């Protein structure tokens, strides 16, 4: 839902299809422009091999029949499945936006597996983005991405800062 303004602006100039797990509480259908196509992909954030394979095959099908020129993914699971599917369908532009890393607070084998997934996402993408320079440096230091290949748009932040909500307050800052 936090990308609604971006999606609606893109849909003024491009054909936009959103493939996501639709949560009725977010009322996504009501928030997107009528020009946007919305497709439900029923998957979970947790690893579930059978469900994930079904989701992957469905994504391959959707990308193949729609012949998308660009695929943009955001979450670890969405990135993993989306980059595999779009790579197999030979989508020209495969962009992944690296946000928080689920492996940071994990330990042992599961941490290494999850880090491998992020590396794999990067390898399959034609472009990779993140929200800030510190995240970029962190991902480079962790050998998830190659130096020089991860980009930060503008000054960072995926949606900017709403100045109506977040505004400097010198009095409050001095108390902190």
Protein backbone atom coordinates (compact mmCIF):
# COMPACT_ATOMS: atom_id res chain seq x y z
CA UNK A 1 0.00 0.00 0.00
CA UNK A 2 2.89 2.39 0.62
CA UNK A 3 3.63 2.45 -3.13
CA UNK A 4 0.14 3.54 -4.21
CA UNK A 5 1.20 7.04 -5.30
CA UNK A 6 4.08 5.63 -7.36
CA UNK A 7 1.86 3.01 -8.96
CA UNK A 8 -0.85 5.51 -9.81
CA UNK A 9 1.68 7.93 -11.33
CA UNK A 10 3.28 5.16 -13.40
CA UNK A 11 -0.13 4.02 -14.64
CA UNK A 12 -0.65 7.43 -16.28
CA UNK A 13 2.19 6.62 -18.69
CA UNK A 14 2.57 2.82 -18.70
CA UNK A 15 0.53 -0.36 -18.48
CA UNK A 16 0.87 -1.41 -14.84
CA UNK A 17 0.04 -4.80 -13.40
CA UNK A 18 0.37 -5.42 -9.68
CA UNK A 19 0.87 -9.04 -8.65
CA UNK A 20 0.62 -9.38 -4.89
CA UNK A 21 -1.14 -11.19 -2.11
CA UNK A 22 -4.27 -9.10 -1.77
CA UNK A 23 -5.17 -8.29 1.81
CA UNK A 24 -8.82 -7.16 1.86
CA UNK A 25 -8.13 -4.93 4.88
CA UNK A 26 -5.80 -2.71 2.83
CA UNK A 27 -8.53 -2.07 0.23
CA UNK A 28 -5.92 -1.95 -2.52
CA UNK A 29 -8.57 -2.25 -5.24
CA UNK A 30 -10.07 1.05 -4.09
CA UNK A 31 -6.75 2.89 -3.99
CA UNK A 32 -5.26 2.08 -7.40
CA UNK A 33 -6.21 3.76 -10.65
CA UNK A 34 -8.68 1.93 -12.85
CA UNK A 35 -5.89 1.64 -15.44
CA UNK A 36 -3.92 -0.70 -13.15
CA UNK A 37 -4.46 -4.42 -13.34
CA UNK A 38 -4.44 -6.22 -9.97
CA UNK A 39 -3.71 -9.96 -9.71
CA UNK A 40 -3.83 -11.92 -6.47
CA UNK A 41 -0.89 -14.25 -5.78
CA UNK A 42 -1.69 -16.24 -2.68
CA UNK A 43 1.68 -16.87 -1.05
CA UNK A 44 3.11 -16.58 2.45
CA UNK A 45 6.23 -14.87 3.72
CA UNK A 46 7.37 -18.10 5.34
CA UNK A 47 9.16 -20.76 3.32
CA UNK A 48 6.65 -23.36 2.12
CA UNK A 49 8.11 -25.43 -0.68
CA UNK A 50 4.87 -26.69 -2.23
CA UNK A 51 3.08 -23.33 -2.01
CA UNK A 52 6.18 -21.48 -3.25
CA UNK A 53 6.51 -23.77 -6.28
CA UNK A 54 2.85 -23.24 -7.15
CA UNK A 55 3.37 -19.46 -6.83
CA UNK A 56 6.50 -19.64 -8.98
CA UNK A 57 4.73 -21.55 -11.77
CA UNK A 58 1.80 -19.13 -11.63
CA UNK A 59 4.21 -16.17 -11.86
CA UNK A 60 5.98 -17.76 -14.83
CA UNK A 61 2.60 -18.22 -16.50
CA UNK A 62 1.53 -14.61 -15.80
CA UNK A 63 4.81 -13.10 -16.96
CA UNK A 64 4.91 -15.30 -20.06
CA UNK A 65 1.36 -14.54 -21.24
CA UNK A 66 1.59 -10.82 -20.43
CA UNK A 67 5.08 -10.42 -21.93
CA UNK A 68 6.05 -7.79 -19.36
CA UNK A 69 8.82 -5.43 -20.44
CA UNK A 70 9.83 -4.82 -16.83
CA UNK A 71 9.34 -6.64 -13.53
CA UNK A 72 9.94 -4.79 -10.27
CA UNK A 73 10.02 -6.69 -6.97
CA UNK A 74 10.27 -5.48 -3.38
CA UNK A 75 10.11 -8.20 -0.74
CA UNK A 76 12.51 -11.13 -0.19
CA UNK A 77 9.95 -13.76 -1.23
CA UNK A 78 8.56 -11.60 -4.03
CA UNK A 79 12.07 -10.88 -5.23
CA UNK A 80 13.12 -14.51 -5.16
CA UNK A 81 10.08 -15.81 -7.01
CA UNK A 82 9.71 -12.76 -9.26
CA UNK A 83 13.34 -12.70 -10.38
CA UNK A 84 13.35 -16.43 -11.15
CA UNK A 85 10.10 -16.20 -13.12
CA UNK A 86 11.07 -13.05 -15.03
CA UNK A 87 14.54 -14.43 -15.77
CA UNK A 88 13.07 -17.65 -17.17
CA UNK A 89 10.62 -15.60 -19.27
CA UNK A 90 13.50 -13.42 -20.51
CA UNK A 91 11.99 -10.18 -19.23
CA UNK A 92 14.24 -7.37 -20.45
CA UNK A 93 14.31 -5.34 -17.22
CA UNK A 94 14.30 -7.17 -13.89
CA UNK A 95 14.58 -4.74 -10.99
CA UNK A 96 14.68 -5.65 -7.32
CA UNK A 97 14.47 -3.14 -4.48
CA UNK A 98 16.40 -4.38 -1.45
CA UNK A 99 14.72 -3.32 1.78
CA UNK A 100 15.22 -4.98 5.13
CA UNK A 101 17.11 -8.24 5.16
CA UNK A 102 15.31 -11.09 6.92
CA UNK A 103 18.61 -12.87 7.56
CA UNK A 104 20.28 -10.16 9.65
CA UNK A 105 19.01 -11.43 13.02
CA UNK A 106 19.15 -15.12 12.13
CA UNK A 107 21.92 -17.55 12.92
CA UNK A 108 23.49 -20.65 11.40
CA UNK A 109 22.27 -22.49 8.35
CA UNK A 110 19.01 -20.55 7.94
CA UNK A 111 20.95 -17.27 7.89
CA UNK A 112 23.24 -18.60 5.16
CA UNK A 113 20.30 -19.89 3.12
CA UNK A 114 18.46 -16.57 3.35
CA UNK A 115 21.62 -14.65 2.43
CA UNK A 116 22.04 -16.94 -0.57
CA UNK A 117 18.48 -16.08 -1.65
CA UNK A 118 19.37 -12.36 -1.62
CA UNK A 119 22.55 -13.04 -3.60
CA UNK A 120 20.54 -15.07 -6.09
CA UNK A 121 17.98 -12.26 -6.43
CA UNK A 122 20.82 -9.86 -7.20
CA UNK A 123 22.36 -12.21 -9.77
CA UNK A 124 19.07 -12.57 -11.65
CA UNK A 125 18.20 -8.87 -11.60
CA UNK A 126 19.31 -6.46 -14.31
CA UNK A 127 19.13 -3.55 -11.86
CA UNK A 128 19.12 -3.38 -8.07
CA UNK A 129 17.97 -0.56 -5.82
CA UNK A 130 17.94 0.21 -2.12
CA UNK A 131 16.64 3.05 0.01
CA UNK A 132 19.85 4.55 1.40
CA UNK A 133 23.64 4.66 1.17
CA UNK A 134 24.13 2.85 4.49
CA UNK A 135 22.00 -0.08 3.24
CA UNK A 136 24.00 -0.10 0.01
CA UNK A 137 27.30 -0.26 1.90
CA UNK A 138 25.95 -2.95 4.23
CA UNK A 139 24.85 -5.17 1.32
CA UNK A 140 28.20 -4.69 -0.39
CA UNK A 141 30.11 -5.53 2.81
CA UNK A 142 27.98 -8.67 3.27
CA UNK A 143 28.83 -9.70 -0.32
CA UNK A 144 25.17 -9.72 -1.33
CA UNK A 145 25.78 -7.27 -4.18
CA UNK A 146 28.85 -6.28 -6.15
CA UNK A 147 30.24 -2.81 -5.45
CA UNK A 148 28.98 -0.29 -7.96
CA UNK A 149 25.87 -2.21 -9.01
CA UNK A 150 23.39 -1.21 -6.31
CA UNK A 151 21.73 2.18 -6.75
CA UNK A 152 20.04 4.62 -4.41
CA UNK A 153 17.48 6.91 -6.03
CA UNK A 154 17.87 10.58 -5.16
CA UNK A 155 18.72 11.08 -1.51
CA UNK A 156 17.19 7.76 -0.57
CA UNK A 157 13.88 6.62 0.96
CA UNK A 158 11.43 4.51 -0.98
CA UNK A 159 8.54 6.96 -0.70
CA UNK A 160 10.13 10.08 0.71
CA UNK A 161 9.16 11.71 3.97
CA UNK A 162 5.68 13.08 4.62
CA UNK A 163 6.51 16.50 6.04
CA UNK A 164 2.97 16.84 7.42
CA UNK A 165 3.70 13.93 9.76
CA UNK A 166 7.48 14.11 10.25
CA UNK A 167 8.72 17.61 10.89
CA UNK A 168 11.62 18.94 12.91
CA UNK A 169 10.76 19.95 16.47
CA UNK A 170 13.69 21.58 18.28
CA UNK A 171 11.96 21.43 21.69
CA UNK A 172 11.23 17.72 21.43
CA UNK A 173 14.69 17.00 20.04
CA UNK A 174 16.37 18.67 23.04
CA UNK A 175 14.31 16.50 25.41
CA UNK A 176 15.43 13.34 23.65
